[in-house]
Amino acid sequence: MQKQFQTVLAESPTLVVINPYIRNYERLAGFQASAHTAGRQLVWEPDDAAVLTTMTDQKPDAILGQTISLTDIARDPQHYVLQNSFDHLERLTDMPITTYIHSNGEPLGDYDPRFAQLKDWLEAHHIPLQFMNASGHASREDLITLAKEVNPRTIVPWHSFHPEREAEALDTQTNAAVVLPERDLYYDFDELNEEE
C-alpha cells in the first residue's frame, strides 16, 4: 500500500488528502514515512496526531491549527499531504487537491449512509476519490485454521455480517461447541464448559 501511496504522491502536482483508519497505527506511521520519501510533510488533525505520537512514538510533521494553517498549505500544496476526517470535509472546499485517498477511514463503507454523502461531496467539488484499503479482517478460512490450531472448547462467532454462516462453518470443521448468540440472552460460559 505504501508503494501505491508513494506513486500517487509522485504523480500529484498539488495537495493529496488522506482519510485513514485511526486505529491502524502502523499505517498512520507508514503514510508519514511515505510522505517524507516524496518530499512532503504530513499535516495531521490534532486527534490523529495524538494517536500517532502515543501509539508509535513518532512526532507528527505538522498539526493543523497548531503548527500550520490551511492558508499555509494552500500556498505550497505540492509540499503537503493533509489527513482530513469526514467530519471536516468543508475544510477542503477551496483547497487545490489532486486526489482524496480513502484508506478505511470513516465512513467505513457503502453500508454507512455517510459514505454516499462523502462520494457525492467529492464529486460536487471535482475531487477524485481513490481507495487504498486493507480490511485487517481474517477470512473464513483463516478463522477456521486458527480455531483448529487453538482447539477451544467453545467458539462464539462475533463481528460478522453473517455470524450464522461462520457458526455453520466452524461447527462442521472444528471440534468446538459453537454458540450463536441471540439478542437479550445472557450466557455463562463456565456453565457451558461444565456441561461437556
N, C-alpha and C. Protein backbone atom coordinates (compact mmCIF):
# COMPACT_ATOMS: atom_id res chain seq x y z
N MET A 1 0.82 -1.19 0.00
CA MET A 1 0.00 0.00 0.00
C MET A 1 0.87 1.26 0.00
N GLN A 2 1.99 1.23 0.74
CA GLN A 2 2.83 2.43 0.80
C GLN A 2 3.49 2.74 -0.54
N LYS A 3 3.82 1.71 -1.31
CA LYS A 3 4.38 1.96 -2.66
C LYS A 3 3.33 2.64 -3.54
N GLN A 4 2.09 2.18 -3.43
CA GLN A 4 1.00 2.79 -4.19
C GLN A 4 0.83 4.25 -3.76
N PHE A 5 0.91 4.50 -2.46
CA PHE A 5 0.79 5.86 -1.94
C PHE A 5 1.93 6.74 -2.45
N GLN A 6 3.15 6.21 -2.44
CA GLN A 6 4.30 6.97 -2.94
C GLN A 6 4.14 7.31 -4.42
N THR A 7 3.58 6.38 -5.19
CA THR A 7 3.33 6.65 -6.61
C THR A 7 2.34 7.78 -6.78
N VAL A 8 1.26 7.74 -6.01
CA VAL A 8 0.26 8.82 -6.07
C VAL A 8 0.91 10.15 -5.73
N LEU A 9 1.72 10.17 -4.69
CA LEU A 9 2.37 11.42 -4.29
C LEU A 9 3.30 11.94 -5.39
N ALA A 10 4.05 11.05 -6.00
CA ALA A 10 4.98 11.46 -7.06
C ALA A 10 4.24 12.03 -8.27
N GLU A 11 3.04 11.53 -8.52
CA GLU A 11 2.28 11.96 -9.70
C GLU A 11 1.30 13.10 -9.41
N SER A 12 1.28 13.59 -8.18
CA SER A 12 0.30 14.61 -7.79
C SER A 12 0.94 16.00 -7.75
N PRO A 13 0.49 16.91 -8.61
CA PRO A 13 1.09 18.24 -8.63
C PRO A 13 0.62 19.16 -7.50
N THR A 14 -0.46 18.78 -6.82
CA THR A 14 -0.97 19.62 -5.73
C THR A 14 -1.19 18.76 -4.49
N LEU A 15 -2.06 19.21 -3.64
CA LEU A 15 -2.31 18.57 -2.35
C LEU A 15 -2.94 17.19 -2.51
N VAL A 16 -2.50 16.26 -1.69
CA VAL A 16 -3.12 14.95 -1.57
C VAL A 16 -3.74 14.89 -0.18
N VAL A 17 -4.99 14.44 -0.12
CA VAL A 17 -5.71 14.33 1.14
C VAL A 17 -5.90 12.85 1.45
N ILE A 18 -5.67 12.47 2.71
CA ILE A 18 -5.90 11.07 3.12
C ILE A 18 -6.90 11.04 4.27
N ASN A 19 -7.68 9.97 4.27
CA ASN A 19 -8.63 9.71 5.35
C ASN A 19 -8.36 8.28 5.81
N PRO A 20 -7.40 8.11 6.74
CA PRO A 20 -7.03 6.76 7.19
C PRO A 20 -7.85 6.30 8.39
N TYR A 21 -7.77 5.01 8.65
CA TYR A 21 -8.40 4.42 9.82
C TYR A 21 -7.50 4.71 11.02
N ILE A 22 -8.00 5.46 11.96
CA ILE A 22 -7.17 5.96 13.07
C ILE A 22 -6.60 4.84 13.94
N ARG A 23 -7.24 3.69 13.96
CA ARG A 23 -6.75 2.60 14.82
C ARG A 23 -5.64 1.77 14.18
N ASN A 24 -5.35 2.03 12.92
CA ASN A 24 -4.26 1.31 12.28
C ASN A 24 -3.00 2.16 12.41
N TYR A 25 -2.35 2.05 13.57
CA TYR A 25 -1.22 2.91 13.92
C TYR A 25 -0.06 2.74 12.95
N GLU A 26 0.22 1.50 12.57
CA GLU A 26 1.34 1.27 11.66
C GLU A 26 1.10 1.95 10.31
N ARG A 27 -0.13 1.93 9.85
CA ARG A 27 -0.44 2.59 8.58
C ARG A 27 -0.28 4.10 8.71
N LEU A 28 -0.69 4.66 9.85
CA LEU A 28 -0.50 6.10 10.06
C LEU A 28 0.98 6.46 9.94
N ALA A 29 1.82 5.69 10.64
CA ALA A 29 3.26 5.93 10.59
C ALA A 29 3.80 5.72 9.18
N GLY A 30 3.29 4.71 8.49
CA GLY A 30 3.72 4.44 7.11
C GLY A 30 3.38 5.57 6.17
N PHE A 31 2.20 6.16 6.34
CA PHE A 31 1.82 7.29 5.49
C PHE A 31 2.78 8.47 5.70
N GLN A 32 3.14 8.72 6.96
CA GLN A 32 4.05 9.83 7.21
C GLN A 32 5.43 9.54 6.60
N ALA A 33 5.92 8.32 6.74
CA ALA A 33 7.22 7.96 6.15
C ALA A 33 7.18 8.08 4.63
N SER A 34 6.09 7.65 4.03
CA SER A 34 5.95 7.76 2.57
C SER A 34 5.89 9.21 2.12
N ALA A 35 5.24 10.05 2.91
CA ALA A 35 5.20 11.48 2.59
C ALA A 35 6.62 12.04 2.59
N HIS A 36 7.43 11.64 3.56
CA HIS A 36 8.83 12.10 3.62
C HIS A 36 9.60 11.65 2.38
N THR A 37 9.40 10.40 1.97
CA THR A 37 10.07 9.88 0.78
C THR A 37 9.74 10.73 -0.44
N ALA A 38 8.53 11.24 -0.48
CA ALA A 38 8.09 12.07 -1.62
C ALA A 38 8.40 13.55 -1.42
N GLY A 39 9.11 13.89 -0.34
CA GLY A 39 9.46 15.28 -0.10
C GLY A 39 8.30 16.12 0.40
N ARG A 40 7.35 15.48 1.06
CA ARG A 40 6.18 16.19 1.59
C ARG A 40 6.11 16.02 3.10
N GLN A 41 5.41 16.94 3.73
CA GLN A 41 5.09 16.82 5.14
C GLN A 41 3.64 16.36 5.27
N LEU A 42 3.38 15.54 6.27
CA LEU A 42 2.01 15.12 6.53
C LEU A 42 1.44 16.00 7.63
N VAL A 43 0.35 16.66 7.32
CA VAL A 43 -0.34 17.53 8.27
C VAL A 43 -1.49 16.74 8.89
N TRP A 44 -1.49 16.66 10.21
CA TRP A 44 -2.46 15.85 10.95
C TRP A 44 -3.50 16.72 11.64
N GLU A 45 -4.71 16.19 11.76
CA GLU A 45 -5.69 16.78 12.67
C GLU A 45 -5.19 16.48 14.09
N PRO A 46 -5.51 17.33 15.07
CA PRO A 46 -4.97 17.14 16.42
C PRO A 46 -5.23 15.75 17.03
N ASP A 47 -6.43 15.21 16.89
CA ASP A 47 -6.72 13.90 17.50
C ASP A 47 -5.88 12.80 16.88
N ASP A 48 -5.74 12.81 15.57
CA ASP A 48 -4.95 11.78 14.90
C ASP A 48 -3.46 11.96 15.20
N ALA A 49 -3.02 13.20 15.35
CA ALA A 49 -1.63 13.47 15.72
C ALA A 49 -1.33 12.87 17.09
N ALA A 50 -2.29 12.99 18.01
CA ALA A 50 -2.11 12.43 19.35
C ALA A 50 -2.02 10.91 19.30
N VAL A 51 -2.84 10.28 18.46
CA VAL A 51 -2.78 8.83 18.32
C VAL A 51 -1.43 8.42 17.73
N LEU A 52 -0.98 9.12 16.70
CA LEU A 52 0.32 8.81 16.09
C LEU A 52 1.43 8.86 17.13
N THR A 53 1.46 9.92 17.92
CA THR A 53 2.51 10.09 18.92
C THR A 53 2.41 9.04 20.02
N THR A 54 1.22 8.84 20.53
CA THR A 54 1.02 7.91 21.64
C THR A 54 1.31 6.47 21.26
N MET A 55 0.85 6.06 20.08
CA MET A 55 0.93 4.65 19.72
C MET A 55 2.20 4.27 18.96
N THR A 56 2.87 5.24 18.33
CA THR A 56 4.05 4.90 17.53
C THR A 56 5.31 5.63 17.97
N ASP A 57 5.18 6.54 18.91
CA ASP A 57 6.30 7.38 19.34
C ASP A 57 6.86 8.26 18.23
N GLN A 58 6.12 8.40 17.14
CA GLN A 58 6.54 9.30 16.06
C GLN A 58 5.95 10.68 16.30
N LYS A 59 6.75 11.67 16.03
CA LYS A 59 6.27 13.05 16.14
C LYS A 59 5.60 13.42 14.83
N PRO A 60 4.41 14.01 14.88
CA PRO A 60 3.76 14.45 13.64
C PRO A 60 4.56 15.57 12.99
N ASP A 61 4.57 15.57 11.66
CA ASP A 61 5.26 16.64 10.94
C ASP A 61 4.66 17.99 11.26
N ALA A 62 3.34 18.06 11.21
CA ALA A 62 2.62 19.31 11.46
C ALA A 62 1.22 18.98 11.95
N ILE A 63 0.66 19.89 12.75
CA ILE A 63 -0.68 19.70 13.29
C ILE A 63 -1.53 20.88 12.86
N LEU A 64 -2.61 20.57 12.16
CA LEU A 64 -3.49 21.60 11.63
C LEU A 64 -4.06 22.46 12.76
N GLY A 65 -3.94 23.77 12.60
CA GLY A 65 -4.46 24.70 13.59
C GLY A 65 -3.51 24.96 14.75
N GLN A 66 -2.41 24.19 14.82
CA GLN A 66 -1.44 24.40 15.89
C GLN A 66 -0.08 24.83 15.34
N THR A 67 0.42 24.10 14.36
CA THR A 67 1.73 24.44 13.79
C THR A 67 1.64 24.86 12.33
N ILE A 68 0.46 24.71 11.74
CA ILE A 68 0.27 25.08 10.34
C ILE A 68 -1.21 25.38 10.09
N SER A 69 -1.46 26.25 9.12
CA SER A 69 -2.85 26.60 8.79
C SER A 69 -3.19 26.12 7.38
N LEU A 70 -4.47 26.13 7.07
CA LEU A 70 -4.90 25.79 5.70
C LEU A 70 -4.33 26.78 4.69
N THR A 71 -4.18 28.02 5.09
CA THR A 71 -3.60 29.04 4.21
C THR A 71 -2.16 28.67 3.85
N ASP A 72 -1.39 28.22 4.85
CA ASP A 72 -0.01 27.79 4.60
C ASP A 72 0.02 26.64 3.60
N ILE A 73 -0.87 25.69 3.79
CA ILE A 73 -0.92 24.51 2.91
C ILE A 73 -1.31 24.93 1.50
N ALA A 74 -2.29 25.81 1.38
CA ALA A 74 -2.77 26.26 0.06
C ALA A 74 -1.69 27.01 -0.71
N ARG A 75 -0.75 27.65 -0.01
CA ARG A 75 0.34 28.37 -0.67
C ARG A 75 1.30 27.43 -1.38
N ASP A 76 1.56 26.26 -0.80
CA ASP A 76 2.50 25.29 -1.36
C ASP A 76 1.92 23.87 -1.27
N PRO A 77 0.80 23.62 -1.93
CA PRO A 77 0.11 22.34 -1.75
C PRO A 77 0.94 21.12 -2.16
N GLN A 78 1.87 21.29 -3.07
CA GLN A 78 2.68 20.18 -3.55
C GLN A 78 3.65 19.67 -2.48
N HIS A 79 3.78 20.40 -1.38
CA HIS A 79 4.70 20.01 -0.31
C HIS A 79 4.00 19.30 0.85
N TYR A 80 2.69 19.06 0.69
CA TYR A 80 1.94 18.52 1.82
C TYR A 80 1.01 17.36 1.44
N VAL A 81 0.73 16.57 2.48
CA VAL A 81 -0.36 15.61 2.49
C VAL A 81 -1.21 16.02 3.69
N LEU A 82 -2.50 16.11 3.51
CA LEU A 82 -3.39 16.53 4.59
C LEU A 82 -4.25 15.36 5.03
N GLN A 83 -4.13 14.98 6.29
CA GLN A 83 -5.04 13.99 6.87
C GLN A 83 -6.30 14.74 7.25
N ASN A 84 -7.42 14.30 6.72
CA ASN A 84 -8.68 15.01 6.94
C ASN A 84 -9.81 14.01 7.16
N SER A 85 -10.52 14.17 8.26
CA SER A 85 -11.63 13.26 8.56
C SER A 85 -12.91 13.72 7.88
N PHE A 86 -13.85 12.80 7.77
CA PHE A 86 -15.14 13.08 7.14
C PHE A 86 -15.84 14.28 7.77
N ASP A 87 -15.75 14.40 9.08
CA ASP A 87 -16.43 15.49 9.78
C ASP A 87 -15.92 16.88 9.39
N HIS A 88 -14.79 16.93 8.70
CA HIS A 88 -14.19 18.22 8.34
C HIS A 88 -14.03 18.39 6.83
N LEU A 89 -14.95 17.82 6.07
CA LEU A 89 -14.87 17.96 4.60
C LEU A 89 -14.87 19.41 4.16
N GLU A 90 -15.62 20.25 4.87
CA GLU A 90 -15.73 21.65 4.46
C GLU A 90 -14.38 22.35 4.39
N ARG A 91 -13.39 21.85 5.12
CA ARG A 91 -12.04 22.43 5.06
C ARG A 91 -11.45 22.35 3.65
N LEU A 92 -11.91 21.37 2.89
CA LEU A 92 -11.32 21.10 1.58
C LEU A 92 -11.91 21.96 0.47
N THR A 93 -12.96 22.69 0.75
CA THR A 93 -13.73 23.39 -0.28
C THR A 93 -12.88 24.20 -1.24
N ASP A 94 -11.97 25.00 -0.75
CA ASP A 94 -11.19 25.88 -1.63
C ASP A 94 -9.73 25.45 -1.77
N MET A 95 -9.43 24.22 -1.42
CA MET A 95 -8.04 23.75 -1.48
C MET A 95 -7.73 23.16 -2.86
N PRO A 96 -6.50 23.35 -3.35
CA PRO A 96 -6.09 22.75 -4.62
C PRO A 96 -5.70 21.28 -4.40
N ILE A 97 -6.62 20.38 -4.67
CA ILE A 97 -6.44 18.96 -4.33
C ILE A 97 -6.34 18.12 -5.60
N THR A 98 -5.31 17.27 -5.66
CA THR A 98 -5.16 16.34 -6.77
C THR A 98 -6.04 15.12 -6.56
N THR A 99 -6.03 14.58 -5.34
CA THR A 99 -6.82 13.38 -5.06
C THR A 99 -7.12 13.26 -3.57
N TYR A 100 -8.22 12.56 -3.29
CA TYR A 100 -8.64 12.26 -1.92
C TYR A 100 -8.51 10.75 -1.77
N ILE A 101 -7.66 10.33 -0.85
CA ILE A 101 -7.43 8.90 -0.64
C ILE A 101 -8.20 8.44 0.59
N HIS A 102 -9.09 7.50 0.37
CA HIS A 102 -9.86 6.90 1.46
C HIS A 102 -9.18 5.59 1.82
N SER A 103 -8.65 5.50 3.04
CA SER A 103 -7.93 4.31 3.47
C SER A 103 -8.56 3.75 4.73
N ASN A 104 -9.75 3.23 4.57
CA ASN A 104 -10.52 2.63 5.66
C ASN A 104 -10.92 3.62 6.75
N GLY A 105 -10.88 4.92 6.43
CA GLY A 105 -11.33 5.91 7.40
C GLY A 105 -12.86 5.93 7.45
N GLU A 106 -13.39 6.80 8.31
CA GLU A 106 -14.84 6.93 8.37
C GLU A 106 -15.32 7.87 7.27
N PRO A 107 -16.45 7.57 6.69
CA PRO A 107 -17.32 6.41 6.88
C PRO A 107 -16.65 5.14 6.34
N LEU A 108 -16.92 4.04 7.04
CA LEU A 108 -16.18 2.81 6.79
C LEU A 108 -16.55 2.08 5.51
N GLY A 109 -17.68 2.33 4.92
CA GLY A 109 -18.03 1.63 3.68
C GLY A 109 -19.43 1.95 3.21
N ASP A 110 -19.83 1.27 2.13
CA ASP A 110 -21.12 1.52 1.49
C ASP A 110 -22.31 1.35 2.43
N TYR A 111 -22.17 0.53 3.45
CA TYR A 111 -23.28 0.29 4.37
C TYR A 111 -23.55 1.49 5.28
N ASP A 112 -22.61 2.42 5.34
CA ASP A 112 -22.77 3.63 6.14
C ASP A 112 -23.35 4.72 5.24
N PRO A 113 -24.52 5.28 5.56
CA PRO A 113 -25.14 6.30 4.71
C PRO A 113 -24.23 7.50 4.44
N ARG A 114 -23.31 7.76 5.35
CA ARG A 114 -22.39 8.89 5.16
C ARG A 114 -21.42 8.64 4.00
N PHE A 115 -21.25 7.38 3.62
CA PHE A 115 -20.33 7.06 2.53
C PHE A 115 -20.84 7.66 1.22
N ALA A 116 -22.14 7.57 0.99
CA ALA A 116 -22.73 8.20 -0.20
C ALA A 116 -22.58 9.71 -0.13
N GLN A 117 -22.72 10.27 1.06
CA GLN A 117 -22.52 11.71 1.23
C GLN A 117 -21.09 12.11 0.88
N LEU A 118 -20.13 11.31 1.33
CA LEU A 118 -18.72 11.57 1.02
C LEU A 118 -18.49 11.57 -0.48
N LYS A 119 -18.96 10.52 -1.15
CA LYS A 119 -18.75 10.42 -2.60
C LYS A 119 -19.43 11.57 -3.33
N ASP A 120 -20.65 11.90 -2.93
CA ASP A 120 -21.38 13.00 -3.56
C ASP A 120 -20.66 14.33 -3.35
N TRP A 121 -20.17 14.57 -2.14
CA TRP A 121 -19.49 15.82 -1.84
C TRP A 121 -18.22 15.95 -2.68
N LEU A 122 -17.43 14.89 -2.73
CA LEU A 122 -16.19 14.94 -3.51
C LEU A 122 -16.49 15.16 -4.99
N GLU A 123 -17.51 14.48 -5.49
CA GLU A 123 -17.88 14.65 -6.90
C GLU A 123 -18.34 16.09 -7.17
N ALA A 124 -19.13 16.65 -6.29
CA ALA A 124 -19.62 18.02 -6.46
C ALA A 124 -18.48 19.04 -6.45
N HIS A 125 -17.38 18.69 -5.77
CA HIS A 125 -16.23 19.60 -5.68
C HIS A 125 -15.10 19.18 -6.63
N HIS A 126 -15.40 18.24 -7.51
CA HIS A 126 -14.45 17.79 -8.54
C HIS A 126 -13.14 17.29 -7.94
N ILE A 127 -13.26 16.54 -6.86
CA ILE A 127 -12.09 15.96 -6.20
C ILE A 127 -12.11 14.46 -6.45
N PRO A 128 -11.13 13.93 -7.16
CA PRO A 128 -11.10 12.49 -7.44
C PRO A 128 -10.93 11.68 -6.15
N LEU A 129 -11.68 10.60 -6.06
CA LEU A 129 -11.64 9.68 -4.92
C LEU A 129 -10.85 8.45 -5.31
N GLN A 130 -9.91 8.08 -4.46
CA GLN A 130 -9.11 6.88 -4.68
C GLN A 130 -9.12 6.05 -3.40
N PHE A 131 -9.18 4.74 -3.54
CA PHE A 131 -9.20 3.85 -2.38
C PHE A 131 -7.85 3.18 -2.20
N MET A 132 -7.39 3.15 -0.96
CA MET A 132 -6.22 2.37 -0.56
C MET A 132 -6.62 1.67 0.72
N ASN A 133 -7.20 0.50 0.56
CA ASN A 133 -7.78 -0.20 1.69
C ASN A 133 -7.12 -1.55 1.95
N ALA A 134 -7.12 -1.91 3.19
CA ALA A 134 -6.77 -3.25 3.63
C ALA A 134 -7.62 -3.47 4.88
N SER A 135 -8.50 -4.43 4.82
CA SER A 135 -9.52 -4.53 5.86
C SER A 135 -8.97 -4.90 7.22
N GLY A 136 -7.95 -5.72 7.27
CA GLY A 136 -7.46 -6.17 8.56
C GLY A 136 -8.30 -7.28 9.17
N HIS A 137 -9.32 -7.72 8.45
CA HIS A 137 -10.16 -8.80 8.94
C HIS A 137 -9.68 -10.14 8.39
N ALA A 138 -9.85 -11.16 9.18
CA ALA A 138 -9.47 -12.51 8.76
C ALA A 138 -10.54 -13.09 7.84
N SER A 139 -10.10 -13.94 6.94
CA SER A 139 -11.05 -14.64 6.07
C SER A 139 -11.68 -15.80 6.84
N ARG A 140 -12.74 -16.35 6.30
CA ARG A 140 -13.39 -17.51 6.93
C ARG A 140 -12.39 -18.65 7.08
N GLU A 141 -11.61 -18.89 6.03
CA GLU A 141 -10.62 -19.97 6.06
C GLU A 141 -9.58 -19.73 7.15
N ASP A 142 -9.14 -18.48 7.30
CA ASP A 142 -8.16 -18.16 8.34
C ASP A 142 -8.73 -18.42 9.73
N LEU A 143 -10.00 -18.06 9.93
CA LEU A 143 -10.62 -18.27 11.24
C LEU A 143 -10.76 -19.76 11.56
N ILE A 144 -11.11 -20.54 10.55
CA ILE A 144 -11.24 -21.99 10.77
C ILE A 144 -9.88 -22.60 11.08
N THR A 145 -8.85 -22.19 10.34
CA THR A 145 -7.50 -22.69 10.60
C THR A 145 -7.07 -22.34 12.02
N LEU A 146 -7.32 -21.11 12.43
CA LEU A 146 -6.97 -20.67 13.78
C LEU A 146 -7.74 -21.48 14.83
N ALA A 147 -9.02 -21.68 14.60
CA ALA A 147 -9.84 -22.45 15.55
C ALA A 147 -9.34 -23.88 15.67
N LYS A 148 -8.93 -24.48 14.56
CA LYS A 148 -8.40 -25.84 14.61
C LYS A 148 -7.09 -25.89 15.40
N GLU A 149 -6.26 -24.87 15.20
CA GLU A 149 -4.96 -24.85 15.87
C GLU A 149 -5.09 -24.62 17.37
N VAL A 150 -5.96 -23.69 17.75
CA VAL A 150 -6.16 -23.37 19.16
C VAL A 150 -6.98 -24.46 19.86
N ASN A 151 -7.93 -25.03 19.13
CA ASN A 151 -8.77 -26.12 19.63
C ASN A 151 -9.52 -25.74 20.91
N PRO A 152 -10.29 -24.63 20.88
CA PRO A 152 -11.03 -24.24 22.08
C PRO A 152 -12.24 -25.14 22.30
N ARG A 153 -12.76 -25.13 23.52
CA ARG A 153 -13.96 -25.91 23.80
C ARG A 153 -15.20 -25.21 23.24
N THR A 154 -15.20 -23.88 23.28
CA THR A 154 -16.37 -23.10 22.84
C THR A 154 -15.92 -21.96 21.93
N ILE A 155 -16.70 -21.72 20.87
CA ILE A 155 -16.44 -20.60 19.97
C ILE A 155 -17.75 -19.81 19.82
N VAL A 156 -17.62 -18.48 19.90
CA VAL A 156 -18.76 -17.60 19.69
C VAL A 156 -18.44 -16.71 18.48
N PRO A 157 -19.09 -16.95 17.34
CA PRO A 157 -18.86 -16.07 16.18
C PRO A 157 -19.32 -14.65 16.50
N TRP A 158 -18.47 -13.69 16.17
CA TRP A 158 -18.75 -12.31 16.54
C TRP A 158 -18.18 -11.39 15.47
N HIS A 159 -18.68 -10.18 15.41
CA HIS A 159 -18.16 -9.16 14.50
C HIS A 159 -18.19 -9.66 13.05
N SER A 160 -19.38 -10.03 12.62
CA SER A 160 -19.56 -10.56 11.28
C SER A 160 -20.93 -10.11 10.76
N PHE A 161 -21.01 -9.86 9.46
CA PHE A 161 -22.30 -9.53 8.87
C PHE A 161 -23.22 -10.75 8.86
N HIS A 162 -22.64 -11.94 8.81
CA HIS A 162 -23.41 -13.18 8.76
C HIS A 162 -22.84 -14.19 9.76
N PRO A 163 -23.03 -13.95 11.06
CA PRO A 163 -22.46 -14.87 12.04
C PRO A 163 -23.01 -16.29 11.92
N GLU A 164 -24.23 -16.42 11.39
CA GLU A 164 -24.80 -17.77 11.25
C GLU A 164 -24.00 -18.60 10.24
N ARG A 165 -23.47 -17.98 9.20
CA ARG A 165 -22.64 -18.70 8.23
C ARG A 165 -21.31 -19.12 8.86
N GLU A 166 -20.75 -18.22 9.63
CA GLU A 166 -19.49 -18.53 10.32
C GLU A 166 -19.72 -19.66 11.33
N ALA A 167 -20.84 -19.60 12.04
CA ALA A 167 -21.16 -20.65 13.02
C ALA A 167 -21.28 -22.00 12.34
N GLU A 168 -21.95 -22.04 11.21
CA GLU A 168 -22.12 -23.30 10.48
C GLU A 168 -20.77 -23.86 10.03
N ALA A 169 -19.92 -23.00 9.49
CA ALA A 169 -18.61 -23.45 9.02
C ALA A 169 -17.76 -23.95 10.18
N LEU A 170 -17.76 -23.23 11.29
CA LEU A 170 -16.98 -23.64 12.46
C LEU A 170 -17.53 -24.93 13.05
N ASP A 171 -18.85 -25.07 13.07
CA ASP A 171 -19.47 -26.26 13.63
C ASP A 171 -19.10 -27.52 12.85
N THR A 172 -19.06 -27.41 11.53
CA THR A 172 -18.77 -28.59 10.72
C THR A 172 -17.28 -28.89 10.61
N GLN A 173 -16.42 -27.89 10.88
CA GLN A 173 -14.99 -28.10 10.63
C GLN A 173 -14.11 -28.06 11.87
N THR A 174 -14.71 -27.91 13.06
CA THR A 174 -13.91 -27.91 14.28
C THR A 174 -14.57 -28.83 15.30
N ASN A 175 -13.87 -29.05 16.40
CA ASN A 175 -14.40 -29.87 17.49
C ASN A 175 -15.06 -29.04 18.57
N ALA A 176 -15.15 -27.75 18.37
CA ALA A 176 -15.67 -26.84 19.40
C ALA A 176 -17.19 -26.81 19.41
N ALA A 177 -17.72 -26.49 20.59
CA ALA A 177 -19.14 -26.19 20.69
C ALA A 177 -19.30 -24.75 20.18
N VAL A 178 -20.13 -24.56 19.17
CA VAL A 178 -20.31 -23.24 18.59
C VAL A 178 -21.61 -22.65 19.11
N VAL A 179 -21.51 -21.47 19.71
CA VAL A 179 -22.66 -20.80 20.29
C VAL A 179 -22.93 -19.55 19.46
N LEU A 180 -24.09 -19.53 18.82
CA LEU A 180 -24.50 -18.36 18.05
C LEU A 180 -25.34 -17.48 18.98
N PRO A 181 -24.82 -16.34 19.39
CA PRO A 181 -25.53 -15.52 20.37
C PRO A 181 -26.86 -15.00 19.85
N GLU A 182 -27.80 -14.89 20.78
CA GLU A 182 -29.10 -14.33 20.45
C GLU A 182 -29.29 -13.07 21.29
N ARG A 183 -29.98 -12.11 20.70
CA ARG A 183 -30.21 -10.83 21.37
C ARG A 183 -30.96 -11.04 22.69
N ASP A 184 -30.53 -10.30 23.69
CA ASP A 184 -31.15 -10.27 25.01
C ASP A 184 -31.04 -11.59 25.78
N LEU A 185 -30.17 -12.48 25.36
CA LEU A 185 -29.88 -13.68 26.14
C LEU A 185 -28.51 -13.52 26.76
N TYR A 186 -28.34 -14.03 27.96
CA TYR A 186 -27.07 -13.93 28.66
C TYR A 186 -26.49 -15.33 28.77
N TYR A 187 -25.19 -15.43 28.60
CA TYR A 187 -24.53 -16.73 28.55
C TYR A 187 -23.51 -16.84 29.67
N ASP A 188 -23.46 -18.00 30.28
CA ASP A 188 -22.45 -18.31 31.29
C ASP A 188 -21.56 -19.38 30.68
N PHE A 189 -20.40 -18.98 30.23
CA PHE A 189 -19.54 -19.92 29.52
C PHE A 189 -18.88 -20.93 30.45
N ASP A 190 -18.75 -20.58 31.73
CA ASP A 190 -18.26 -21.58 32.68
C ASP A 190 -19.26 -22.73 32.75
N GLU A 191 -20.54 -22.37 32.78
CA GLU A 191 -21.60 -23.38 32.83
C GLU A 191 -21.62 -24.21 31.54
N LEU A 192 -21.47 -23.55 30.40
CA LEU A 192 -21.45 -24.27 29.12
C LEU A 192 -20.30 -25.27 29.07
N ASN A 193 -19.14 -24.87 29.56
CA ASN A 193 -17.98 -25.75 29.53
C ASN A 193 -18.10 -26.90 30.52
N GLU A 194 -18.83 -26.70 31.62
CA GLU A 194 -19.03 -27.77 32.59
C GLU A 194 -19.93 -28.87 32.05
N GLU A 195 -20.81 -28.52 31.10
CA GLU A 195 -21.74 -29.49 30.54
C GLU A 195 -21.02 -30.53 29.68
N GLU A 196 -19.83 -30.21 29.24
CA GLU A 196 -19.12 -31.12 28.33
C GLU A 196 -18.59 -32.34 29.01
